[in-house]
Amino acid sequence: MSARHEATVHLMYLQLRSDLLADRFSCNATQALHLAALALHVEYPDGRWLEEASMDHYIPPSVLRSPAWTGLHNSLLAQFDNVSQLPHYHAKTRFIEVCLVCL
């Protein structure tokens, strides 16, 4: 894969992540958790994110405000376990794919 292609994927990932956190497209809580887990895996591939990551940097405000938020942290841990085996690059492309479904 070319460096140009990798850069394009990375920029697309960053833009979609920004759009997600600005609530520019809708996704349900399950999709939001999956996206958050993928983004955490992209940024913290070693899994040491619990102390460093703020949930508002990964989960859209509309989901954070929902009444279901109380169980989201444990669900996020489970989602992270599901995606943690993906290679770094595939986590980015999977993030893009899921975002496109939410558009």
PDB file of N, CA and C in Angstrom:
ATOM      1  N   MET A   1       0.838  -1.172   0.000  1.00  0.00           N
ATOM      2  CA  MET A   1       0.000   0.000   0.000  1.00  0.00           C
ATOM      3  C   MET A   1       0.887   1.241   0.000  1.00  0.00           C
ATOM      4  N   SER A   2       0.486   2.185  -0.784  1.00  0.00           N
ATOM      5  CA  SER A   2       1.306   3.386  -0.917  1.00  0.00           C
ATOM      6  C   SER A   2       1.110   4.320   0.272  1.00  0.00           C
ATOM      7  N   ALA A   3       2.112   5.147   0.479  1.00  0.00           N
ATOM      8  CA  ALA A   3       2.043   6.136   1.554  1.00  0.00           C
ATOM      9  C   ALA A   3       0.901   7.120   1.302  1.00  0.00           C
ATOM     10  N   ARG A   4       0.655   7.399   0.063  1.00  0.00           N
ATOM     11  CA  ARG A   4      -0.431   8.327  -0.284  1.00  0.00           C
ATOM     12  C   ARG A   4      -1.792   7.736   0.098  1.00  0.00           C
ATOM     13  N   HIS A   5      -1.967   6.443  -0.164  1.00  0.00           N
ATOM     14  CA  HIS A   5      -3.211   5.767   0.187  1.00  0.00           C
ATOM     15  C   HIS A   5      -3.393   5.740   1.709  1.00  0.00           C
ATOM     16  N   GLU A   6      -2.323   5.441   2.426  1.00  0.00           N
ATOM     17  CA  GLU A   6      -2.383   5.427   3.895  1.00  0.00           C
ATOM     18  C   GLU A   6      -2.735   6.811   4.444  1.00  0.00           C
ATOM     19  N   ALA A   7      -2.161   7.838   3.846  1.00  0.00           N
ATOM     20  CA  ALA A   7      -2.450   9.202   4.294  1.00  0.00           C
ATOM     21  C   ALA A   7      -3.911   9.560   4.031  1.00  0.00           C
ATOM     22  N   THR A   8      -4.438   9.138   2.889  1.00  0.00           N
ATOM     23  CA  THR A   8      -5.833   9.400   2.558  1.00  0.00           C
ATOM     24  C   THR A   8      -6.764   8.715   3.557  1.00  0.00           C
ATOM     25  N   VAL A   9      -6.476   7.461   3.869  1.00  0.00           N
ATOM     26  CA  VAL A   9      -7.288   6.720   4.837  1.00  0.00           C
ATOM     27  C   VAL A   9      -7.218   7.400   6.198  1.00  0.00           C
ATOM     28  N   HIS A  10      -6.039   7.830   6.595  1.00  0.00           N
ATOM     29  CA  HIS A  10      -5.896   8.477   7.896  1.00  0.00           C
ATOM     30  C   HIS A  10      -6.685   9.786   7.957  1.00  0.00           C
ATOM     31  N   LEU A  11      -6.601  10.593   6.907  1.00  0.00           N
ATOM     32  CA  LEU A  11      -7.350  11.853   6.870  1.00  0.00           C
ATOM     33  C   LEU A  11      -8.853  11.601   6.879  1.00  0.00           C
ATOM     34  N   MET A  12      -9.280  10.581   6.166  1.00  0.00           N
ATOM     35  CA  MET A  12     -10.694  10.237   6.153  1.00  0.00           C
ATOM     36  C   MET A  12     -11.144   9.793   7.549  1.00  0.00           C
ATOM     37  N   TYR A  13     -10.333   9.002   8.209  1.00  0.00           N
ATOM     38  CA  TYR A  13     -10.619   8.568   9.580  1.00  0.00           C
ATOM     39  C   TYR A  13     -10.760   9.783  10.501  1.00  0.00           C
ATOM     40  N   LEU A  14      -9.814  10.709  10.426  1.00  0.00           N
ATOM     41  CA  LEU A  14      -9.852  11.893  11.292  1.00  0.00           C
ATOM     42  C   LEU A  14     -11.087  12.751  11.029  1.00  0.00           C
ATOM     43  N   GLN A  15     -11.437  12.932   9.759  1.00  0.00           N
ATOM     44  CA  GLN A  15     -12.609  13.743   9.427  1.00  0.00           C
ATOM     45  C   GLN A  15     -13.887  13.083   9.927  1.00  0.00           C
ATOM     46  N   LEU A  16     -14.019  11.779   9.702  1.00  0.00           N
ATOM     47  CA  LEU A  16     -15.224  11.087  10.154  1.00  0.00           C
ATOM     48  C   LEU A  16     -15.312  11.056  11.675  1.00  0.00           C
ATOM     49  N   ARG A  17     -14.189  10.929  12.330  1.00  0.00           N
ATOM     50  CA  ARG A  17     -14.188  10.970  13.788  1.00  0.00           C
ATOM     51  C   ARG A  17     -14.641  12.327  14.296  1.00  0.00           C
ATOM     52  N   SER A  18     -14.171  13.368  13.650  1.00  0.00           N
ATOM     53  CA  SER A  18     -14.594  14.728  13.999  1.00  0.00           C
ATOM     54  C   SER A  18     -16.100  14.902  13.754  1.00  0.00           C
ATOM     55  N   ASP A  19     -16.579  14.423  12.624  1.00  0.00           N
ATOM     56  CA  ASP A  19     -18.005  14.513  12.303  1.00  0.00           C
ATOM     57  C   ASP A  19     -18.847  13.727  13.302  1.00  0.00           C
ATOM     58  N   LEU A  20     -18.380  12.574  13.702  1.00  0.00           N
ATOM     59  CA  LEU A  20     -19.094  11.754  14.679  1.00  0.00           C
ATOM     60  C   LEU A  20     -19.225  12.492  16.005  1.00  0.00           C
ATOM     61  N   LEU A  21     -18.128  13.062  16.471  1.00  0.00           N
ATOM     62  CA  LEU A  21     -18.133  13.741  17.761  1.00  0.00           C
ATOM     63  C   LEU A  21     -18.893  15.064  17.728  1.00  0.00           C
ATOM     64  N   ALA A  22     -19.127  15.585  16.536  1.00  0.00           N
ATOM     65  CA  ALA A  22     -19.924  16.798  16.383  1.00  0.00           C
ATOM     66  C   ALA A  22     -21.387  16.460  16.095  1.00  0.00           C
ATOM     67  N   ASP A  23     -21.729  15.175  16.186  1.00  0.00           N
ATOM     68  CA  ASP A  23     -23.099  14.700  15.927  1.00  0.00           C
ATOM     69  C   ASP A  23     -23.590  15.103  14.541  1.00  0.00           C
ATOM     70  N   ARG A  24     -22.712  15.025  13.545  1.00  0.00           N
ATOM     71  CA  ARG A  24     -23.103  15.397  12.179  1.00  0.00           C
ATOM     72  C   ARG A  24     -23.802  14.267  11.435  1.00  0.00           C
ATOM     73  N   PHE A  25     -23.745  13.080  11.974  1.00  0.00           N
ATOM     74  CA  PHE A  25     -24.535  11.990  11.427  1.00  0.00           C
ATOM     75  C   PHE A  25     -25.005  11.131  12.584  1.00  0.00           C
ATOM     76  N   SER A  26     -26.040  10.384  12.323  1.00  0.00           N
ATOM     77  CA  SER A  26     -26.644   9.637  13.429  1.00  0.00           C
ATOM     78  C   SER A  26     -26.176   8.194  13.437  1.00  0.00           C
ATOM     79  N   CYS A  27     -25.978   7.723  14.624  1.00  0.00           N
ATOM     80  CA  CYS A  27     -25.697   6.304  14.809  1.00  0.00           C
ATOM     81  C   CYS A  27     -26.320   5.910  16.146  1.00  0.00           C
ATOM     82  N   ASN A  28     -26.678   4.655  16.237  1.00  0.00           N
ATOM     83  CA  ASN A  28     -27.273   4.204  17.488  1.00  0.00           C
ATOM     84  C   ASN A  28     -26.164   3.920  18.503  1.00  0.00           C
ATOM     85  N   ALA A  29     -26.549   3.602  19.722  1.00  0.00           N
ATOM     86  CA  ALA A  29     -25.564   3.390  20.791  1.00  0.00           C
ATOM     87  C   ALA A  29     -24.627   2.240  20.468  1.00  0.00           C
ATOM     88  N   THR A  30     -25.133   1.185  19.855  1.00  0.00           N
ATOM     89  CA  THR A  30     -24.292   0.041  19.504  1.00  0.00           C
ATOM     90  C   THR A  30     -23.230   0.437  18.488  1.00  0.00           C
ATOM     91  N   GLN A  31     -23.643   1.164  17.459  1.00  0.00           N
ATOM     92  CA  GLN A  31     -22.687   1.633  16.451  1.00  0.00           C
ATOM     93  C   GLN A  31     -21.681   2.591  17.080  1.00  0.00           C
ATOM     94  N   ALA A  32     -22.159   3.483  17.937  1.00  0.00           N
ATOM     95  CA  ALA A  32     -21.270   4.444  18.593  1.00  0.00           C
ATOM     96  C   ALA A  32     -20.229   3.730  19.445  1.00  0.00           C
ATOM     97  N   LEU A  33     -20.626   2.703  20.152  1.00  0.00           N
ATOM     98  CA  LEU A  33     -19.669   1.937  20.962  1.00  0.00           C
ATOM     99  C   LEU A  33     -18.652   1.218  20.097  1.00  0.00           C
ATOM    100  N   HIS A  34     -19.127   0.651  18.996  1.00  0.00           N
ATOM    101  CA  HIS A  34     -18.213  -0.028  18.080  1.00  0.00           C
ATOM    102  C   HIS A  34     -17.201   0.966  17.507  1.00  0.00           C
ATOM    103  N   LEU A  35     -17.680   2.132  17.113  1.00  0.00           N
ATOM    104  CA  LEU A  35     -16.790   3.169  16.587  1.00  0.00           C
ATOM    105  C   LEU A  35     -15.802   3.642  17.652  1.00  0.00           C
ATOM    106  N   ALA A  36     -16.280   3.820  18.871  1.00  0.00           N
ATOM    107  CA  ALA A  36     -15.389   4.243  19.959  1.00  0.00           C
ATOM    108  C   ALA A  36     -14.314   3.198  20.212  1.00  0.00           C
ATOM    109  N   ALA A  37     -14.694   1.937  20.204  1.00  0.00           N
ATOM    110  CA  ALA A  37     -13.717   0.863  20.416  1.00  0.00           C
ATOM    111  C   ALA A  37     -12.679   0.842  19.299  1.00  0.00           C
ATOM    112  N   LEU A  38     -13.136   1.025  18.066  1.00  0.00           N
ATOM    113  CA  LEU A  38     -12.195   1.062  16.943  1.00  0.00           C
ATOM    114  C   LEU A  38     -11.249   2.253  17.060  1.00  0.00           C
ATOM    115  N   ALA A  39     -11.788   3.425  17.393  1.00  0.00           N
ATOM    116  CA  ALA A  39     -10.943   4.618  17.539  1.00  0.00           C
ATOM    117  C   ALA A  39      -9.947   4.440  18.684  1.00  0.00           C
ATOM    118  N   LEU A  40     -10.384   3.863  19.772  1.00  0.00           N
ATOM    119  CA  LEU A  40      -9.465   3.610  20.884  1.00  0.00           C
ATOM    120  C   LEU A  40      -8.363   2.645  20.470  1.00  0.00           C
ATOM    121  N   HIS A  41      -8.730   1.644  19.678  1.00  0.00           N
ATOM    122  CA  HIS A  41      -7.724   0.687  19.202  1.00  0.00           C
ATOM    123  C   HIS A  41      -6.727   1.358  18.254  1.00  0.00           C
ATOM    124  N   VAL A  42      -7.218   2.278  17.431  1.00  0.00           N
ATOM    125  CA  VAL A  42      -6.324   3.006  16.525  1.00  0.00           C
ATOM    126  C   VAL A  42      -5.336   3.834  17.336  1.00  0.00           C
ATOM    127  N   GLU A  43      -5.831   4.503  18.365  1.00  0.00           N
ATOM    128  CA  GLU A  43      -4.997   5.440  19.107  1.00  0.00           C
ATOM    129  C   GLU A  43      -4.242   4.819  20.272  1.00  0.00           C
ATOM    130  N   TYR A  44      -4.754   3.740  20.799  1.00  0.00           N
ATOM    131  CA  TYR A  44      -4.108   3.047  21.924  1.00  0.00           C
ATOM    132  C   TYR A  44      -4.039   1.551  21.621  1.00  0.00           C
ATOM    133  N   PRO A  45      -3.228   1.152  20.642  1.00  0.00           N
ATOM    134  CA  PRO A  45      -3.209  -0.260  20.237  1.00  0.00           C
ATOM    135  C   PRO A  45      -2.774  -1.210  21.350  1.00  0.00           C
ATOM    136  N   ASP A  46      -2.076  -0.706  22.348  1.00  0.00           N
ATOM    137  CA  ASP A  46      -1.640  -1.581  23.437  1.00  0.00           C
ATOM    138  C   ASP A  46      -2.737  -1.796  24.474  1.00  0.00           C
ATOM    139  N   GLY A  47      -3.866  -1.096  24.340  1.00  0.00           N
ATOM    140  CA  GLY A  47      -4.982  -1.275  25.245  1.00  0.00           C
ATOM    141  C   GLY A  47      -4.898  -0.472  26.527  1.00  0.00           C
ATOM    142  N   ARG A  48      -3.861   0.304  26.702  1.00  0.00           N
ATOM    143  CA  ARG A  48      -3.722   1.100  27.930  1.00  0.00           C
ATOM    144  C   ARG A  48      -4.390   2.460  27.756  1.00  0.00           C
ATOM    145  N   TRP A  49      -5.679   2.461  27.638  1.00  0.00           N
ATOM    146  CA  TRP A  49      -6.408   3.696  27.393  1.00  0.00           C
ATOM    147  C   TRP A  49      -7.317   4.081  28.539  1.00  0.00           C
ATOM    148  N   LEU A  50      -7.589   3.164  29.432  1.00  0.00           N
ATOM    149  CA  LEU A  50      -8.577   3.438  30.485  1.00  0.00           C
ATOM    150  C   LEU A  50      -8.265   4.688  31.292  1.00  0.00           C
ATOM    151  N   GLU A  51      -7.011   4.893  31.636  1.00  0.00           N
ATOM    152  CA  GLU A  51      -6.658   6.053  32.441  1.00  0.00           C
ATOM    153  C   GLU A  51      -6.427   7.299  31.603  1.00  0.00           C
ATOM    154  N   GLU A  52      -6.138   7.106  30.330  1.00  0.00           N
ATOM    155  CA  GLU A  52      -5.757   8.230  29.488  1.00  0.00           C
ATOM    156  C   GLU A  52      -6.917   8.822  28.678  1.00  0.00           C
ATOM    157  N   ALA A  53      -7.857   8.000  28.295  1.00  0.00           N
ATOM    158  CA  ALA A  53      -8.888   8.421  27.356  1.00  0.00           C
ATOM    159  C   ALA A  53     -10.115   8.988  28.065  1.00  0.00           C
ATOM    160  N   SER A  54     -10.624  10.045  27.499  1.00  0.00           N
ATOM    161  CA  SER A  54     -11.861  10.641  27.983  1.00  0.00           C
ATOM    162  C   SER A  54     -12.989  10.195  27.047  1.00  0.00           C
ATOM    163  N   MET A  55     -14.064   9.676  27.602  1.00  0.00           N
ATOM    164  CA  MET A  55     -15.144   9.135  26.782  1.00  0.00           C
ATOM    165  C   MET A  55     -15.736  10.166  25.831  1.00  0.00           C
ATOM    166  N   ASP A  56     -15.726  11.435  26.207  1.00  0.00           N
ATOM    167  CA  ASP A  56     -16.281  12.445  25.311  1.00  0.00           C
ATOM    168  C   ASP A  56     -15.406  12.688  24.084  1.00  0.00           C
ATOM    169  N   HIS A  57     -14.232  12.095  24.043  1.00  0.00           N
ATOM    170  CA  HIS A  57     -13.379  12.171  22.852  1.00  0.00           C
ATOM    171  C   HIS A  57     -13.611  10.994  21.909  1.00  0.00           C
ATOM    172  N   TYR A  58     -14.504  10.092  22.298  1.00  0.00           N
ATOM    173  CA  TYR A  58     -14.728   8.881  21.504  1.00  0.00           C
ATOM    174  C   TYR A  58     -16.195   8.577  21.245  1.00  0.00           C
ATOM    175  N   ILE A  59     -17.075   9.062  22.098  1.00  0.00           N
ATOM    176  CA  ILE A  59     -18.501   8.767  21.968  1.00  0.00           C
ATOM    177  C   ILE A  59     -19.245  10.076  21.701  1.00  0.00           C
ATOM    178  N   PRO A  60     -20.143  10.078  20.712  1.00  0.00           N
ATOM    179  CA  PRO A  60     -20.863  11.312  20.379  1.00  0.00           C
ATOM    180  C   PRO A  60     -21.704  11.828  21.551  1.00  0.00           C
ATOM    181  N   PRO A  61     -21.859  13.140  21.642  1.00  0.00           N
ATOM    182  CA  PRO A  61     -22.626  13.735  22.740  1.00  0.00           C
ATOM    183  C   PRO A  61     -24.054  13.200  22.849  1.00  0.00           C
ATOM    184  N   SER A  62     -24.688  12.940  21.715  1.00  0.00           N
ATOM    185  CA  SER A  62     -26.067  12.445  21.756  1.00  0.00           C
ATOM    186  C   SER A  62     -26.152  11.100  22.465  1.00  0.00           C
ATOM    187  N   VAL A  63     -25.134  10.284  22.333  1.00  0.00           N
ATOM    188  CA  VAL A  63     -25.114   8.984  23.001  1.00  0.00           C
ATOM    189  C   VAL A  63     -24.737   9.157  24.469  1.00  0.00           C
ATOM    190  N   LEU A  64     -23.813  10.054  24.741  1.00  0.00           N
ATOM    191  CA  LEU A  64     -23.423  10.298  26.135  1.00  0.00           C
ATOM    192  C   LEU A  64     -24.589  10.830  26.961  1.00  0.00           C
ATOM    193  N   ARG A  65     -25.481  11.589  26.324  1.00  0.00           N
ATOM    194  CA  ARG A  65     -26.635  12.151  27.034  1.00  0.00           C
ATOM    195  C   ARG A  65     -27.780  11.166  27.181  1.00  0.00           C
ATOM    196  N   SER A  66     -27.695  10.044  26.500  1.00  0.00           N
ATOM    197  CA  SER A  66     -28.807   9.095  26.526  1.00  0.00           C
ATOM    198  C   SER A  66     -28.910   8.407  27.882  1.00  0.00           C
ATOM    199  N   PRO A  67     -30.103   7.967  28.233  1.00  0.00           N
ATOM    200  CA  PRO A  67     -30.294   7.278  29.513  1.00  0.00           C
ATOM    201  C   PRO A  67     -29.523   5.963  29.592  1.00  0.00           C
ATOM    202  N   ALA A  68     -29.172   5.397  28.456  1.00  0.00           N
ATOM    203  CA  ALA A  68     -28.456   4.123  28.442  1.00  0.00           C
ATOM    204  C   ALA A  68     -26.983   4.274  28.798  1.00  0.00           C
ATOM    205  N   TRP A  69     -26.518   5.509  29.024  1.00  0.00           N
ATOM    206  CA  TRP A  69     -25.094   5.751  29.264  1.00  0.00           C
ATOM    207  C   TRP A  69     -24.549   4.951  30.428  1.00  0.00           C
ATOM    208  N   THR A  70     -25.353   4.644  31.418  1.00  0.00           N
ATOM    209  CA  THR A  70     -24.859   3.992  32.629  1.00  0.00           C
ATOM    210  C   THR A  70     -24.140   2.675  32.332  1.00  0.00           C
ATOM    211  N   GLY A  71     -24.570   1.934  31.336  1.00  0.00           N
ATOM    212  CA  GLY A  71     -23.923   0.667  31.023  1.00  0.00           C
ATOM    213  C   GLY A  71     -22.939   0.742  29.873  1.00  0.00           C
ATOM    214  N   LEU A  72     -22.735   1.937  29.330  1.00  0.00           N
ATOM    215  CA  LEU A  72     -21.892   2.050  28.141  1.00  0.00           C
ATOM    216  C   LEU A  72     -20.426   1.728  28.408  1.00  0.00           C
ATOM    217  N   HIS A  73     -19.919   2.069  29.567  1.00  0.00           N
ATOM    218  CA  HIS A  73     -18.499   1.837  29.831  1.00  0.00           C
ATOM    219  C   HIS A  73     -18.175   0.350  29.767  1.00  0.00           C
ATOM    220  N   ASN A  74     -18.982  -0.482  30.413  1.00  0.00           N
ATOM    221  CA  ASN A  74     -18.738  -1.926  30.361  1.00  0.00           C
ATOM    222  C   ASN A  74     -18.933  -2.464  28.949  1.00  0.00           C
ATOM    223  N   SER A  75     -19.911  -1.926  28.247  1.00  0.00           N
ATOM    224  CA  SER A  75     -20.122  -2.337  26.862  1.00  0.00           C
ATOM    225  C   SER A  75     -18.945  -1.929  25.988  1.00  0.00           C
ATOM    226  N   LEU A  76     -18.378  -0.766  26.267  1.00  0.00           N
ATOM    227  CA  LEU A  76     -17.209  -0.313  25.511  1.00  0.00           C
ATOM    228  C   LEU A  76     -16.021  -1.243  25.744  1.00  0.00           C
ATOM    229  N   LEU A  77     -15.843  -1.683  26.969  1.00  0.00           N
ATOM    230  CA  LEU A  77     -14.765  -2.633  27.260  1.00  0.00           C
ATOM    231  C   LEU A  77     -14.943  -3.919  26.461  1.00  0.00           C
ATOM    232  N   ALA A  78     -16.172  -4.404  26.395  1.00  0.00           N
ATOM    233  CA  ALA A  78     -16.451  -5.626  25.627  1.00  0.00           C
ATOM    234  C   ALA A  78     -16.200  -5.402  24.140  1.00  0.00           C
ATOM    235  N   GLN A  79     -16.632  -4.259  23.622  1.00  0.00           N
ATOM    236  CA  GLN A  79     -16.395  -3.936  22.213  1.00  0.00           C
ATOM    237  C   GLN A  79     -14.902  -3.833  21.916  1.00  0.00           C
ATOM    238  N   PHE A  80     -14.164  -3.221  22.843  1.00  0.00           N
ATOM    239  CA  PHE A  80     -12.724  -3.091  22.641  1.00  0.00           C
ATOM    240  C   PHE A  80     -12.066  -4.461  22.569  1.00  0.00           C
ATOM    241  N   ASP A  81     -12.489  -5.373  23.433  1.00  0.00           N
ATOM    242  CA  ASP A  81     -11.953  -6.734  23.381  1.00  0.00           C
ATOM    243  C   ASP A  81     -12.218  -7.379  22.030  1.00  0.00           C
ATOM    244  N   ASN A  82     -13.386  -7.098  21.446  1.00  0.00           N
ATOM    245  CA  ASN A  82     -13.741  -7.666  20.142  1.00  0.00           C
ATOM    246  C   ASN A  82     -12.878  -7.133  19.009  1.00  0.00           C
ATOM    247  N   VAL A  83     -12.468  -5.877  19.084  1.00  0.00           N
ATOM    248  CA  VAL A  83     -11.719  -5.276  17.968  1.00  0.00           C
ATOM    249  C   VAL A  83     -10.215  -5.227  18.216  1.00  0.00           C
ATOM    250  N   SER A  84      -9.772  -5.546  19.407  1.00  0.00           N
ATOM    251  CA  SER A  84      -8.361  -5.364  19.755  1.00  0.00           C
ATOM    252  C   SER A  84      -7.409  -6.252  18.960  1.00  0.00           C
ATOM    253  N   GLN A  85      -7.923  -7.287  18.341  1.00  0.00           N
ATOM    254  CA  GLN A  85      -7.064  -8.166  17.547  1.00  0.00           C
ATOM    255  C   GLN A  85      -6.880  -7.694  16.106  1.00  0.00           C
ATOM    256  N   LEU A  86      -7.650  -6.689  15.712  1.00  0.00           N
ATOM    257  CA  LEU A  86      -7.509  -6.159  14.357  1.00  0.00           C
ATOM    258  C   LEU A  86      -6.179  -5.438  14.200  1.00  0.00           C
ATOM    259  N   PRO A  87      -5.537  -5.584  13.046  1.00  0.00           N
ATOM    260  CA  PRO A  87      -4.353  -4.754  12.790  1.00  0.00           C
ATOM    261  C   PRO A  87      -4.757  -3.277  12.776  1.00  0.00           C
ATOM    262  N   HIS A  88      -3.834  -2.427  13.126  1.00  0.00           N
ATOM    263  CA  HIS A  88      -4.050  -0.985  13.229  1.00  0.00           C
ATOM    264  C   HIS A  88      -4.736  -0.430  11.983  1.00  0.00           C
ATOM    265  N   TYR A  89      -4.232  -0.757  10.820  1.00  0.00           N
ATOM    266  CA  TYR A  89      -4.784  -0.225   9.573  1.00  0.00           C
ATOM    267  C   TYR A  89      -6.230  -0.688   9.376  1.00  0.00           C
ATOM    268  N   HIS A  90      -6.510  -1.951   9.672  1.00  0.00           N
ATOM    269  CA  HIS A  90      -7.863  -2.469   9.499  1.00  0.00           C
ATOM    270  C   HIS A  90      -8.846  -1.820  10.465  1.00  0.00           C
ATOM    271  N   ALA A  91      -8.378  -1.419  11.628  1.00  0.00           N
ATOM    272  CA  ALA A  91      -9.253  -0.707  12.572  1.00  0.00           C
ATOM    273  C   ALA A  91      -9.686   0.625  11.972  1.00  0.00           C
ATOM    274  N   LYS A  92      -8.777   1.307  11.292  1.00  0.00           N
ATOM    275  CA  LYS A  92      -9.131   2.574  10.637  1.00  0.00           C
ATOM    276  C   LYS A  92     -10.127   2.351   9.512  1.00  0.00           C
ATOM    277  N   THR A  93      -9.870   1.371   8.670  1.00  0.00           N
ATOM    278  CA  THR A  93     -10.788   1.140   7.548  1.00  0.00           C
ATOM    279  C   THR A  93     -12.144   0.648   8.044  1.00  0.00           C
ATOM    280  N   ARG A  94     -12.167  -0.148   9.091  1.00  0.00           N
ATOM    281  CA  ARG A  94     -13.443  -0.607   9.659  1.00  0.00           C
ATOM    282  C   ARG A  94     -14.206   0.587  10.249  1.00  0.00           C
ATOM    283  N   PHE A  95     -13.493   1.503  10.888  1.00  0.00           N
ATOM    284  CA  PHE A  95     -14.119   2.715  11.425  1.00  0.00           C
ATOM    285  C   PHE A  95     -14.806   3.480  10.292  1.00  0.00           C
ATOM    286  N   ILE A  96     -14.110   3.641   9.182  1.00  0.00           N
ATOM    287  CA  ILE A  96     -14.665   4.355   8.025  1.00  0.00           C
ATOM    288  C   ILE A  96     -15.906   3.635   7.501  1.00  0.00           C
ATOM    289  N   GLU A  97     -15.840   2.317   7.390  1.00  0.00           N
ATOM    290  CA  GLU A  97     -16.968   1.546   6.890  1.00  0.00           C
ATOM    291  C   GLU A  97     -18.203   1.721   7.777  1.00  0.00           C
ATOM    292  N   VAL A  98     -18.030   1.629   9.080  1.00  0.00           N
ATOM    293  CA  VAL A  98     -19.161   1.770   9.999  1.00  0.00           C
ATOM    294  C   VAL A  98     -19.718   3.192   9.939  1.00  0.00           C
ATOM    295  N   CYS A  99     -18.858   4.188   9.855  1.00  0.00           N
ATOM    296  CA  CYS A  99     -19.331   5.573   9.738  1.00  0.00           C
ATOM    297  C   CYS A  99     -20.163   5.762   8.490  1.00  0.00           C
ATOM    298  N   LEU A 100     -19.752   5.181   7.393  1.00  0.00           N
ATOM    299  CA  LEU A 100     -20.493   5.337   6.145  1.00  0.00           C
ATOM    300  C   LEU A 100     -21.875   4.718   6.233  1.00  0.00           C
ATOM    301  N   VAL A 101     -22.033   3.691   7.031  1.00  0.00           N
ATOM    302  CA  VAL A 101     -23.348   3.097   7.246  1.00  0.00           C
ATOM    303  C   VAL A 101     -24.240   4.071   8.020  1.00  0.00           C
ATOM    304  N   CYS A 102     -23.646   4.838   8.911  1.00  0.00           N
ATOM    305  CA  CYS A 102     -24.406   5.787   9.754  1.00  0.00           C
ATOM    306  C   CYS A 102     -24.811   7.051   9.007  1.00  0.00           C
ATOM    307  N   LEU A 103     -24.191   7.327   7.886  1.00  0.00           N
ATOM    308  CA  LEU A 103     -24.505   8.577   7.166  1.00  0.00           C
ATOM    309  C   LEU A 103     -25.922   8.628   6.673  1.00  0.00           C
TER     310      LEU A 103
END
